[in-house]
């Protein structure tokens, strides 16, 4: 079965950092473009970062460009999101999934940026 298990979230102060991890299973991971999404209270889920199948191409939302960095390890079926210089606006539940989302979603991991 397709599963995405996100971890690494927590409470940090503005300017701090977190590294999120996603363990994927149940599909051919190395054939999928992978993405990180987030959803803040009262807002729609949005794409924040994306990485090609071999990791050679990445894309970021303007709001996180230069601060967040996505990577993947196809040998371990994992995707990571390094989040630096965190802002209160980054507070959200973060999810990983295939590019474009889909019918399978994990529970996400909560990131709270607050002083």
PDB file of N, CA and C in Angstrom:
ATOM      1  N   UNK A   1       0.823  -1.176   0.000  1.00  0.00           N
ATOM      2  CA  UNK A   1       0.000   0.000   0.000  1.00  0.00           C
ATOM      3  C   UNK A   1       0.879   1.257   0.000  1.00  0.00           C
ATOM      4  N   UNK A   2       0.385   2.287  -0.664  1.00  0.00           N
ATOM      5  CA  UNK A   2       1.111   3.540  -0.729  1.00  0.00           C
ATOM      6  C   UNK A   2       1.026   4.232   0.623  1.00  0.00           C
ATOM      7  N   UNK A   3       2.181   4.629   1.131  1.00  0.00           N
ATOM      8  CA  UNK A   3       2.224   5.334   2.406  1.00  0.00           C
ATOM      9  C   UNK A   3       3.269   6.429   2.378  1.00  0.00           C
ATOM     10  N   UNK A   4       2.938   7.520   3.032  1.00  0.00           N
ATOM     11  CA  UNK A   4       3.872   8.607   3.269  1.00  0.00           C
ATOM     12  C   UNK A   4       3.857   8.887   4.768  1.00  0.00           C
ATOM     13  N   UNK A   5       5.013   8.813   5.388  1.00  0.00           N
ATOM     14  CA  UNK A   5       5.120   9.042   6.816  1.00  0.00           C
ATOM     15  C   UNK A   5       6.077  10.197   7.050  1.00  0.00           C
ATOM     16  N   UNK A   6       5.513  11.325   7.447  1.00  0.00           N
ATOM     17  CA  UNK A   6       6.293  12.533   7.672  1.00  0.00           C
ATOM     18  C   UNK A   6       6.712  12.636   9.135  1.00  0.00           C
ATOM     19  N   UNK A   7       7.869  13.216   9.360  1.00  0.00           N
ATOM     20  CA  UNK A   7       8.361  13.399  10.715  1.00  0.00           C
ATOM     21  C   UNK A   7       9.316  14.579  10.757  1.00  0.00           C
ATOM     22  N   UNK A   8       9.648  14.997  11.963  1.00  0.00           N
ATOM     23  CA  UNK A   8      10.632  16.042  12.145  1.00  0.00           C
ATOM     24  C   UNK A   8      10.082  17.401  12.513  1.00  0.00           C
ATOM     25  N   UNK A   9       8.778  17.545  12.512  1.00  0.00           N
ATOM     26  CA  UNK A   9       8.190  18.824  12.867  1.00  0.00           C
ATOM     27  C   UNK A   9       8.330  19.122  14.343  1.00  0.00           C
ATOM     28  N   UNK A  10       7.995  20.347  14.695  1.00  0.00           N
ATOM     29  CA  UNK A  10       8.079  20.754  16.082  1.00  0.00           C
ATOM     30  C   UNK A  10       7.878  22.238  16.227  1.00  0.00           C
ATOM     31  N   UNK A  11       8.163  22.724  17.414  1.00  0.00           N
ATOM     32  CA  UNK A  11       8.041  24.139  17.738  1.00  0.00           C
ATOM     33  C   UNK A  11       9.416  24.788  17.714  1.00  0.00           C
ATOM     34  N   UNK A  12       9.551  25.830  16.920  1.00  0.00           N
ATOM     35  CA  UNK A  12      10.810  26.565  16.840  1.00  0.00           C
ATOM     36  C   UNK A  12      10.529  28.059  16.849  1.00  0.00           C
ATOM     37  N   UNK A  13      11.540  28.814  17.235  1.00  0.00           N
ATOM     38  CA  UNK A  13      11.430  30.264  17.217  1.00  0.00           C
ATOM     39  C   UNK A  13      11.715  30.814  15.834  1.00  0.00           C
ATOM     40  N   UNK A  14      11.194  31.993  15.520  1.00  0.00           N
ATOM     41  CA  UNK A  14      11.540  32.610  14.241  1.00  0.00           C
ATOM     42  C   UNK A  14      13.052  32.688  14.061  1.00  0.00           C
ATOM     43  N   UNK A  15      13.502  32.380  12.867  1.00  0.00           N
ATOM     44  CA  UNK A  15      14.926  32.333  12.590  1.00  0.00           C
ATOM     45  C   UNK A  15      15.550  30.976  12.805  1.00  0.00           C
ATOM     46  N   UNK A  16      14.823  30.076  13.406  1.00  0.00           N
ATOM     47  CA  UNK A  16      15.322  28.744  13.664  1.00  0.00           C
ATOM     48  C   UNK A  16      15.213  27.843  12.453  1.00  0.00           C
ATOM     49  N   UNK A  17      15.521  26.572  12.667  1.00  0.00           N
ATOM     50  CA  UNK A  17      15.499  25.630  11.567  1.00  0.00           C
ATOM     51  C   UNK A  17      14.934  24.294  11.997  1.00  0.00           C
ATOM     52  N   UNK A  18      14.468  23.549  11.012  1.00  0.00           N
ATOM     53  CA  UNK A  18      14.002  22.185  11.194  1.00  0.00           C
ATOM     54  C   UNK A  18      14.344  21.388   9.951  1.00  0.00           C
ATOM     55  N   UNK A  19      14.494  20.095  10.119  1.00  0.00           N
ATOM     56  CA  UNK A  19      14.652  19.199   8.991  1.00  0.00           C
ATOM     57  C   UNK A  19      13.536  18.168   9.035  1.00  0.00           C
ATOM     58  N   UNK A  20      12.708  18.179   8.020  1.00  0.00           N
ATOM     59  CA  UNK A  20      11.608  17.238   7.915  1.00  0.00           C
ATOM     60  C   UNK A  20      12.025  16.036   7.085  1.00  0.00           C
ATOM     61  N   UNK A  21      11.484  14.893   7.437  1.00  0.00           N
ATOM     62  CA  UNK A  21      11.759  13.674   6.703  1.00  0.00           C
ATOM     63  C   UNK A  21      10.456  13.018   6.283  1.00  0.00           C
ATOM     64  N   UNK A  22      10.503  12.324   5.179  1.00  0.00           N
ATOM     65  CA  UNK A  22       9.363  11.585   4.672  1.00  0.00           C
ATOM     66  C   UNK A  22       9.832  10.203   4.254  1.00  0.00           C
ATOM     67  N   UNK A  23       9.242   9.194   4.843  1.00  0.00           N
ATOM     68  CA  UNK A  23       9.495   7.818   4.456  1.00  0.00           C
ATOM     69  C   UNK A  23       8.348   7.342   3.587  1.00  0.00           C
ATOM     70  N   UNK A  24       8.658   6.954   2.368  1.00  0.00           N
ATOM     71  CA  UNK A  24       7.650   6.540   1.410  1.00  0.00           C
ATOM     72  C   UNK A  24       7.746   5.047   1.151  1.00  0.00           C
ATOM     73  N   UNK A  25       6.617   4.444   0.866  1.00  0.00           N
ATOM     74  CA  UNK A  25       6.599   3.016   0.586  1.00  0.00           C
ATOM     75  C   UNK A  25       5.377   2.672  -0.249  1.00  0.00           C
ATOM     76  N   UNK A  26       5.407   1.496  -0.847  1.00  0.00           N
ATOM     77  CA  UNK A  26       4.263   0.989  -1.573  1.00  0.00           C
ATOM     78  C   UNK A  26       4.207   1.351  -3.046  1.00  0.00           C
ATOM     79  N   UNK A  27       5.260   1.933  -3.560  1.00  0.00           N
ATOM     80  CA  UNK A  27       5.306   2.299  -4.968  1.00  0.00           C
ATOM     81  C   UNK A  27       6.748   2.443  -5.406  1.00  0.00           C
ATOM     82  N   UNK A  28       6.942   2.599  -6.716  1.00  0.00           N
ATOM     83  CA  UNK A  28       8.286   2.759  -7.266  1.00  0.00           C
ATOM     84  C   UNK A  28       8.758   4.182  -7.021  1.00  0.00           C
ATOM     85  N   UNK A  29       9.384   4.365  -5.892  1.00  0.00           N
ATOM     86  CA  UNK A  29       9.774   5.700  -5.448  1.00  0.00           C
ATOM     87  C   UNK A  29      10.650   6.420  -6.467  1.00  0.00           C
ATOM     88  N   UNK A  30      11.592   5.704  -7.049  1.00  0.00           N
ATOM     89  CA  UNK A  30      12.536   6.344  -7.953  1.00  0.00           C
ATOM     90  C   UNK A  30      11.937   6.711  -9.304  1.00  0.00           C
ATOM     91  N   UNK A  31      10.674   6.389  -9.521  1.00  0.00           N
ATOM     92  CA  UNK A  31       9.984   6.795 -10.741  1.00  0.00           C
ATOM     93  C   UNK A  31       9.056   7.980 -10.532  1.00  0.00           C
ATOM     94  N   UNK A  32       9.059   8.530  -9.333  1.00  0.00           N
ATOM     95  CA  UNK A  32       8.122   9.590  -8.998  1.00  0.00           C
ATOM     96  C   UNK A  32       8.816  10.893  -8.660  1.00  0.00           C
ATOM     97  N   UNK A  33       8.351  11.954  -9.289  1.00  0.00           N
ATOM     98  CA  UNK A  33       8.703  13.295  -8.828  1.00  0.00           C
ATOM     99  C   UNK A  33       8.028  13.491  -7.469  1.00  0.00           C
ATOM    100  N   UNK A  34       8.789  13.959  -6.505  1.00  0.00           N
ATOM    101  CA  UNK A  34       8.275  14.098  -5.151  1.00  0.00           C
ATOM    102  C   UNK A  34       8.184  15.561  -4.749  1.00  0.00           C
ATOM    103  N   UNK A  35       7.246  15.833  -3.858  1.00  0.00           N
ATOM    104  CA  UNK A  35       6.995  17.201  -3.443  1.00  0.00           C
ATOM    105  C   UNK A  35       6.717  17.271  -1.953  1.00  0.00           C
ATOM    106  N   UNK A  36       6.951  18.438  -1.407  1.00  0.00           N
ATOM    107  CA  UNK A  36       6.485  18.795  -0.076  1.00  0.00           C
ATOM    108  C   UNK A  36       5.373  19.823  -0.218  1.00  0.00           C
ATOM    109  N   UNK A  37       4.323  19.634   0.552  1.00  0.00           N
ATOM    110  CA  UNK A  37       3.198  20.546   0.611  1.00  0.00           C
ATOM    111  C   UNK A  37       3.008  21.000   2.045  1.00  0.00           C
ATOM    112  N   UNK A  38       2.279  22.074   2.203  1.00  0.00           N
ATOM    113  CA  UNK A  38       1.917  22.499   3.548  1.00  0.00           C
ATOM    114  C   UNK A  38       0.515  23.083   3.543  1.00  0.00           C
ATOM    115  N   UNK A  39      -0.105  23.016   4.696  1.00  0.00           N
ATOM    116  CA  UNK A  39      -1.434  23.576   4.851  1.00  0.00           C
ATOM    117  C   UNK A  39      -1.515  24.279   6.197  1.00  0.00           C
ATOM    118  N   UNK A  40      -1.731  25.566   6.140  1.00  0.00           N
ATOM    119  CA  UNK A  40      -1.890  26.374   7.333  1.00  0.00           C
ATOM    120  C   UNK A  40      -3.364  26.448   7.694  1.00  0.00           C
ATOM    121  N   UNK A  41      -3.668  26.757   8.945  1.00  0.00           N
ATOM    122  CA  UNK A  41      -5.070  26.856   9.359  1.00  0.00           C
ATOM    123  C   UNK A  41      -5.844  27.841   8.495  1.00  0.00           C
ATOM    124  N   UNK A  42      -6.985  27.398   7.993  1.00  0.00           N
ATOM    125  CA  UNK A  42      -7.832  28.256   7.190  1.00  0.00           C
ATOM    126  C   UNK A  42      -7.361  28.498   5.778  1.00  0.00           C
ATOM    127  N   UNK A  43      -6.313  27.816   5.362  1.00  0.00           N
ATOM    128  CA  UNK A  43      -5.781  28.020   4.024  1.00  0.00           C
ATOM    129  C   UNK A  43      -5.744  26.714   3.247  1.00  0.00           C
ATOM    130  N   UNK A  44      -5.633  26.843   1.946  1.00  0.00           N
ATOM    131  CA  UNK A  44      -5.529  25.681   1.087  1.00  0.00           C
ATOM    132  C   UNK A  44      -4.138  25.072   1.177  1.00  0.00           C
ATOM    133  N   UNK A  45      -4.076  23.791   0.886  1.00  0.00           N
ATOM    134  CA  UNK A  45      -2.790  23.137   0.803  1.00  0.00           C
ATOM    135  C   UNK A  45      -2.001  23.721  -0.367  1.00  0.00           C
ATOM    136  N   UNK A  46      -0.736  23.998  -0.148  1.00  0.00           N
ATOM    137  CA  UNK A  46       0.079  24.597  -1.187  1.00  0.00           C
ATOM    138  C   UNK A  46       1.376  23.822  -1.381  1.00  0.00           C
ATOM    139  N   UNK A  47       1.865  23.849  -2.594  1.00  0.00           N
ATOM    140  CA  UNK A  47       3.137  23.232  -2.924  1.00  0.00           C
ATOM    141  C   UNK A  47       4.272  24.137  -2.471  1.00  0.00           C
ATOM    142  N   UNK A  48       5.236  23.584  -1.763  1.00  0.00           N
ATOM    143  CA  UNK A  48       6.370  24.385  -1.314  1.00  0.00           C
ATOM    144  C   UNK A  48       7.677  23.987  -1.973  1.00  0.00           C
ATOM    145  N   UNK A  49       7.823  22.728  -2.337  1.00  0.00           N
ATOM    146  CA  UNK A  49       9.073  22.279  -2.944  1.00  0.00           C
ATOM    147  C   UNK A  49       8.836  21.015  -3.747  1.00  0.00           C
ATOM    148  N   UNK A  50       9.655  20.806  -4.761  1.00  0.00           N
ATOM    149  CA  UNK A  50       9.511  19.665  -5.641  1.00  0.00           C
ATOM    150  C   UNK A  50      10.883  19.233  -6.121  1.00  0.00           C
ATOM    151  N   UNK A  51      11.042  17.925  -6.325  1.00  0.00           N
ATOM    152  CA  UNK A  51      12.327  17.399  -6.750  1.00  0.00           C
ATOM    153  C   UNK A  51      12.112  16.301  -7.772  1.00  0.00           C
ATOM    154  N   UNK A  52      12.934  16.302  -8.810  1.00  0.00           N
ATOM    155  CA  UNK A  52      12.815  15.330  -9.883  1.00  0.00           C
ATOM    156  C   UNK A  52      13.228  13.945  -9.409  1.00  0.00           C
ATOM    157  N   UNK A  53      13.004  12.961 -10.256  1.00  0.00           N
ATOM    158  CA  UNK A  53      13.198  11.571  -9.857  1.00  0.00           C
ATOM    159  C   UNK A  53      14.611  11.257  -9.395  1.00  0.00           C
ATOM    160  N   UNK A  54      15.600  11.851 -10.042  1.00  0.00           N
ATOM    161  CA  UNK A  54      16.984  11.612  -9.667  1.00  0.00           C
ATOM    162  C   UNK A  54      17.567  12.726  -8.807  1.00  0.00           C
ATOM    163  N   UNK A  55      16.760  13.710  -8.512  1.00  0.00           N
ATOM    164  CA  UNK A  55      17.204  14.790  -7.650  1.00  0.00           C
ATOM    165  C   UNK A  55      17.931  15.914  -8.352  1.00  0.00           C
ATOM    166  N   UNK A  56      17.975  15.887  -9.680  1.00  0.00           N
ATOM    167  CA  UNK A  56      18.732  16.880 -10.404  1.00  0.00           C
ATOM    168  C   UNK A  56      18.043  18.211 -10.599  1.00  0.00           C
ATOM    169  N   UNK A  57      16.738  18.233 -10.443  1.00  0.00           N
ATOM    170  CA  UNK A  57      15.974  19.454 -10.650  1.00  0.00           C
ATOM    171  C   UNK A  57      15.085  19.698  -9.450  1.00  0.00           C
ATOM    172  N   UNK A  58      15.113  20.910  -8.939  1.00  0.00           N
ATOM    173  CA  UNK A  58      14.257  21.280  -7.819  1.00  0.00           C
ATOM    174  C   UNK A  58      13.496  22.545  -8.134  1.00  0.00           C
ATOM    175  N   UNK A  59      12.343  22.687  -7.509  1.00  0.00           N
ATOM    176  CA  UNK A  59      11.517  23.870  -7.643  1.00  0.00           C
ATOM    177  C   UNK A  59      10.980  24.247  -6.276  1.00  0.00           C
ATOM    178  N   UNK A  60      10.813  25.543  -6.062  1.00  0.00           N
ATOM    179  CA  UNK A  60      10.363  26.040  -4.773  1.00  0.00           C
ATOM    180  C   UNK A  60       9.343  27.146  -4.949  1.00  0.00           C
ATOM    181  N   UNK A  61       8.429  27.204  -4.009  1.00  0.00           N
ATOM    182  CA  UNK A  61       7.542  28.348  -3.953  1.00  0.00           C
ATOM    183  C   UNK A  61       8.353  29.600  -3.645  1.00  0.00           C
ATOM    184  N   UNK A  62       7.910  30.720  -4.182  1.00  0.00           N
ATOM    185  CA  UNK A  62       8.638  31.970  -3.963  1.00  0.00           C
ATOM    186  C   UNK A  62       8.800  32.285  -2.480  1.00  0.00           C
ATOM    187  N   UNK A  63       7.822  31.908  -1.689  1.00  0.00           N
ATOM    188  CA  UNK A  63       7.847  32.243  -0.280  1.00  0.00           C
ATOM    189  C   UNK A  63       8.932  31.514   0.503  1.00  0.00           C
ATOM    190  N   UNK A  64       9.449  30.424  -0.044  1.00  0.00           N
ATOM    191  CA  UNK A  64      10.463  29.647   0.671  1.00  0.00           C
ATOM    192  C   UNK A  64      11.793  29.588  -0.059  1.00  0.00           C
ATOM    193  N   UNK A  65      11.847  30.113  -1.248  1.00  0.00           N
ATOM    194  CA  UNK A  65      13.061  30.046  -2.052  1.00  0.00           C
ATOM    195  C   UNK A  65      14.242  30.685  -1.315  1.00  0.00           C
ATOM    196  N   UNK A  66      15.339  29.970  -1.296  1.00  0.00           N
ATOM    197  CA  UNK A  66      16.518  30.440  -0.605  1.00  0.00           C
ATOM    198  C   UNK A  66      16.584  30.048   0.853  1.00  0.00           C
ATOM    199  N   UNK A  67      15.484  29.579   1.398  1.00  0.00           N
ATOM    200  CA  UNK A  67      15.431  29.164   2.796  1.00  0.00           C
ATOM    201  C   UNK A  67      15.221  27.665   2.961  1.00  0.00           C
ATOM    202  N   UNK A  68      14.409  27.090   2.089  1.00  0.00           N
ATOM    203  CA  UNK A  68      14.098  25.666   2.154  1.00  0.00           C
ATOM    204  C   UNK A  68      14.858  24.934   1.061  1.00  0.00           C
ATOM    205  N   UNK A  69      15.236  23.685   1.367  1.00  0.00           N
ATOM    206  CA  UNK A  69      15.956  22.874   0.400  1.00  0.00           C
ATOM    207  C   UNK A  69      15.451  21.438   0.465  1.00  0.00           C
ATOM    208  N   UNK A  70      15.022  20.943  -0.688  1.00  0.00           N
ATOM    209  CA  UNK A  70      14.492  19.596  -0.783  1.00  0.00           C
ATOM    210  C   UNK A  70      15.571  18.662  -1.320  1.00  0.00           C
ATOM    211  N   UNK A  71      15.579  17.445  -0.819  1.00  0.00           N
ATOM    212  CA  UNK A  71      16.509  16.439  -1.308  1.00  0.00           C
ATOM    213  C   UNK A  71      15.847  15.070  -1.210  1.00  0.00           C
ATOM    214  N   UNK A  72      16.459  14.091  -1.841  1.00  0.00           N
ATOM    215  CA  UNK A  72      15.909  12.736  -1.784  1.00  0.00           C
ATOM    216  C   UNK A  72      17.024  11.709  -1.797  1.00  0.00           C
ATOM    217  N   UNK A  73      16.711  10.556  -1.259  1.00  0.00           N
ATOM    218  CA  UNK A  73      17.623   9.425  -1.260  1.00  0.00           C
ATOM    219  C   UNK A  73      16.838   8.240  -1.789  1.00  0.00           C
ATOM    220  N   UNK A  74      17.045   7.926  -3.045  1.00  0.00           N
ATOM    221  CA  UNK A  74      16.268   6.861  -3.665  1.00  0.00           C
ATOM    222  C   UNK A  74      16.616   5.478  -3.118  1.00  0.00           C
ATOM    223  N   UNK A  75      17.790   5.329  -2.542  1.00  0.00           N
ATOM    224  CA  UNK A  75      18.157   4.059  -1.944  1.00  0.00           C
ATOM    225  C   UNK A  75      17.390   3.794  -0.661  1.00  0.00           C
ATOM    226  N   UNK A  76      16.925   4.852  -0.013  1.00  0.00           N
ATOM    227  CA  UNK A  76      16.196   4.726   1.242  1.00  0.00           C
ATOM    228  C   UNK A  76      14.729   5.110   1.125  1.00  0.00           C
ATOM    229  N   UNK A  77      14.306   5.500  -0.071  1.00  0.00           N
ATOM    230  CA  UNK A  77      12.920   5.931  -0.289  1.00  0.00           C
ATOM    231  C   UNK A  77      12.527   7.057   0.663  1.00  0.00           C
ATOM    232  N   UNK A  78      13.373   8.049   0.743  1.00  0.00           N
ATOM    233  CA  UNK A  78      13.104   9.166   1.631  1.00  0.00           C
ATOM    234  C   UNK A  78      13.242  10.494   0.905  1.00  0.00           C
ATOM    235  N   UNK A  79      12.489  11.460   1.378  1.00  0.00           N
ATOM    236  CA  UNK A  79      12.574  12.838   0.929  1.00  0.00           C
ATOM    237  C   UNK A  79      12.739  13.705   2.162  1.00  0.00           C
ATOM    238  N   UNK A  80      13.600  14.680   2.078  1.00  0.00           N
ATOM    239  CA  UNK A  80      13.807  15.579   3.203  1.00  0.00           C
ATOM    240  C   UNK A  80      13.540  17.012   2.795  1.00  0.00           C
ATOM    241  N   UNK A  81      13.239  17.819   3.784  1.00  0.00           N
ATOM    242  CA  UNK A  81      13.066  19.251   3.577  1.00  0.00           C
ATOM    243  C   UNK A  81      13.825  19.975   4.669  1.00  0.00           C
ATOM    244  N   UNK A  82      14.923  20.587   4.300  1.00  0.00           N
ATOM    245  CA  UNK A  82      15.682  21.412   5.223  1.00  0.00           C
ATOM    246  C   UNK A  82      15.069  22.794   5.234  1.00  0.00           C
ATOM    247  N   UNK A  83      14.627  23.231   6.388  1.00  0.00           N
ATOM    248  CA  UNK A  83      13.925  24.495   6.533  1.00  0.00           C
ATOM    249  C   UNK A  83      14.769  25.422   7.396  1.00  0.00           C
ATOM    250  N   UNK A  84      15.270  26.474   6.788  1.00  0.00           N
ATOM    251  CA  UNK A  84      16.118  27.431   7.484  1.00  0.00           C
ATOM    252  C   UNK A  84      15.428  28.781   7.591  1.00  0.00           C
ATOM    253  N   UNK A  85      15.921  29.585   8.512  1.00  0.00           N
ATOM    254  CA  UNK A  85      15.404  30.945   8.694  1.00  0.00           C
ATOM    255  C   UNK A  85      13.887  30.965   8.750  1.00  0.00           C
ATOM    256  N   UNK A  86      13.352  30.140   9.597  1.00  0.00           N
ATOM    257  CA  UNK A  86      11.902  29.965   9.648  1.00  0.00           C
ATOM    258  C   UNK A  86      11.189  31.231  10.094  1.00  0.00           C
ATOM    259  N   UNK A  87      10.029  31.436   9.502  1.00  0.00           N
ATOM    260  CA  UNK A  87       9.169  32.566   9.793  1.00  0.00           C
ATOM    261  C   UNK A  87       7.855  32.070  10.363  1.00  0.00           C
ATOM    262  N   UNK A  88       7.158  32.953  11.040  1.00  0.00           N
ATOM    263  CA  UNK A  88       5.860  32.567  11.579  1.00  0.00           C
ATOM    264  C   UNK A  88       4.907  32.134  10.475  1.00  0.00           C
ATOM    265  N   UNK A  89       5.069  32.705   9.297  1.00  0.00           N
ATOM    266  CA  UNK A  89       4.229  32.345   8.167  1.00  0.00           C
ATOM    267  C   UNK A  89       4.447  30.919   7.680  1.00  0.00           C
ATOM    268  N   UNK A  90       5.512  30.284   8.129  1.00  0.00           N
ATOM    269  CA  UNK A  90       5.779  28.902   7.751  1.00  0.00           C
ATOM    270  C   UNK A  90       5.000  27.903   8.594  1.00  0.00           C
ATOM    271  N   UNK A  91       4.323  28.387   9.603  1.00  0.00           N
ATOM    272  CA  UNK A  91       3.542  27.507  10.464  1.00  0.00           C
ATOM    273  C   UNK A  91       2.471  26.792   9.648  1.00  0.00           C
ATOM    274  N   UNK A  92       2.496  25.475   9.689  1.00  0.00           N
ATOM    275  CA  UNK A  92       1.571  24.675   8.897  1.00  0.00           C
ATOM    276  C   UNK A  92       1.821  23.207   9.195  1.00  0.00           C
ATOM    277  N   UNK A  93       0.938  22.381   8.694  1.00  0.00           N
ATOM    278  CA  UNK A  93       1.189  20.948   8.646  1.00  0.00           C
ATOM    279  C   UNK A  93       1.844  20.653   7.308  1.00  0.00           C
ATOM    280  N   UNK A  94       2.952  19.950   7.354  1.00  0.00           N
ATOM    281  CA  UNK A  94       3.722  19.667   6.155  1.00  0.00           C
ATOM    282  C   UNK A  94       3.532  18.220   5.734  1.00  0.00           C
ATOM    283  N   UNK A  95       3.307  18.028   4.446  1.00  0.00           N
ATOM    284  CA  UNK A  95       3.075  16.719   3.871  1.00  0.00           C
ATOM    285  C   UNK A  95       4.034  16.465   2.716  1.00  0.00           C
ATOM    286  N   UNK A  96       4.367  15.218   2.491  1.00  0.00           N
ATOM    287  CA  UNK A  96       5.047  14.852   1.261  1.00  0.00           C
ATOM    288  C   UNK A  96       4.120  14.007   0.416  1.00  0.00           C
ATOM    289  N   UNK A  97       4.322  14.055  -0.881  1.00  0.00           N
ATOM    290  CA  UNK A  97       3.476  13.312  -1.791  1.00  0.00           C
ATOM    291  C   UNK A  97       4.088  13.368  -3.188  1.00  0.00           C
ATOM    292  N   UNK A  98       3.441  12.683  -4.105  1.00  0.00           N
ATOM    293  CA  UNK A  98       3.814  12.792  -5.496  1.00  0.00           C
ATOM    294  C   UNK A  98       3.561  14.214  -5.986  1.00  0.00           C
ATOM    295  N   UNK A  99       4.292  14.603  -7.013  1.00  0.00           N
ATOM    296  CA  UNK A  99       4.027  15.881  -7.639  1.00  0.00           C
ATOM    297  C   UNK A  99       2.576  15.923  -8.098  1.00  0.00           C
ATOM    298  N   UNK A 100       1.917  17.003  -7.771  1.00  0.00           N
ATOM    299  CA  UNK A 100       0.518  17.146  -8.110  1.00  0.00           C
ATOM    300  C   UNK A 100      -0.438  16.573  -7.083  1.00  0.00           C
ATOM    301  N   UNK A 101       0.099  16.030  -6.019  1.00  0.00           N
ATOM    302  CA  UNK A 101      -0.728  15.435  -4.998  1.00  0.00           C
ATOM    303  C   UNK A 101      -1.324  14.131  -5.482  1.00  0.00           C
ATOM    304  N   UNK A 102      -2.451  13.774  -4.937  1.00  0.00           N
ATOM    305  CA  UNK A 102      -3.094  12.549  -5.344  1.00  0.00           C
ATOM    306  C   UNK A 102      -4.071  12.055  -4.309  1.00  0.00           C
ATOM    307  N   UNK A 103      -4.391  10.794  -4.408  1.00  0.00           N
ATOM    308  CA  UNK A 103      -5.396  10.206  -3.543  1.00  0.00           C
ATOM    309  C   UNK A 103      -4.835   9.684  -2.232  1.00  0.00           C
ATOM    310  N   UNK A 104      -3.528   9.649  -2.101  1.00  0.00           N
ATOM    311  CA  UNK A 104      -2.901   9.158  -0.880  1.00  0.00           C
ATOM    312  C   UNK A 104      -2.196  10.295  -0.164  1.00  0.00           C
ATOM    313  N   UNK A 105      -2.507  10.446   1.108  1.00  0.00           N
ATOM    314  CA  UNK A 105      -1.878  11.465   1.940  1.00  0.00           C
ATOM    315  C   UNK A 105      -1.556  10.896   3.308  1.00  0.00           C
ATOM    316  N   UNK A 106      -0.389  11.257   3.813  1.00  0.00           N
ATOM    317  CA  UNK A 106      -0.043  10.891   5.170  1.00  0.00           C
ATOM    318  C   UNK A 106      -0.686  11.833   6.162  1.00  0.00           C
ATOM    319  N   UNK A 107      -0.330  11.676   7.425  1.00  0.00           N
ATOM    320  CA  UNK A 107      -0.888  12.537   8.462  1.00  0.00           C
ATOM    321  C   UNK A 107      -0.181  13.879   8.563  1.00  0.00           C
ATOM    322  N   UNK A 108       0.971  13.984   7.938  1.00  0.00           N
ATOM    323  CA  UNK A 108       1.720  15.221   7.980  1.00  0.00           C
ATOM    324  C   UNK A 108       2.456  15.400   9.296  1.00  0.00           C
ATOM    325  N   UNK A 109       3.282  16.425   9.339  1.00  0.00           N
ATOM    326  CA  UNK A 109       3.997  16.761  10.556  1.00  0.00           C
ATOM    327  C   UNK A 109       3.841  18.252  10.820  1.00  0.00           C
ATOM    328  N   UNK A 110       3.515  18.584  12.044  1.00  0.00           N
ATOM    329  CA  UNK A 110       3.214  19.966  12.414  1.00  0.00           C
ATOM    330  C   UNK A 110       4.489  20.766  12.620  1.00  0.00           C
ATOM    331  N   UNK A 111       4.545  21.905  11.966  1.00  0.00           N
ATOM    332  CA  UNK A 111       5.621  22.869  12.161  1.00  0.00           C
ATOM    333  C   UNK A 111       5.004  24.140  12.719  1.00  0.00           C
ATOM    334  N   UNK A 112       5.461  24.536  13.878  1.00  0.00           N
ATOM    335  CA  UNK A 112       4.979  25.756  14.500  1.00  0.00           C
ATOM    336  C   UNK A 112       6.152  26.682  14.751  1.00  0.00           C
ATOM    337  N   UNK A 113       6.084  27.863  14.171  1.00  0.00           N
ATOM    338  CA  UNK A 113       7.128  28.870  14.332  1.00  0.00           C
ATOM    339  C   UNK A 113       6.548  29.998  15.163  1.00  0.00           C
ATOM    340  N   UNK A 114       7.037  30.134  16.358  1.00  0.00           N
ATOM    341  CA  UNK A 114       6.481  31.114  17.285  1.00  0.00           C
ATOM    342  C   UNK A 114       7.512  31.476  18.332  1.00  0.00           C
ATOM    343  N   UNK A 115       7.454  32.714  18.776  1.00  0.00           N
ATOM    344  CA  UNK A 115       8.317  33.173  19.849  1.00  0.00           C
ATOM    345  C   UNK A 115       7.629  33.078  21.197  1.00  0.00           C
TER     346      UNK A 115
END
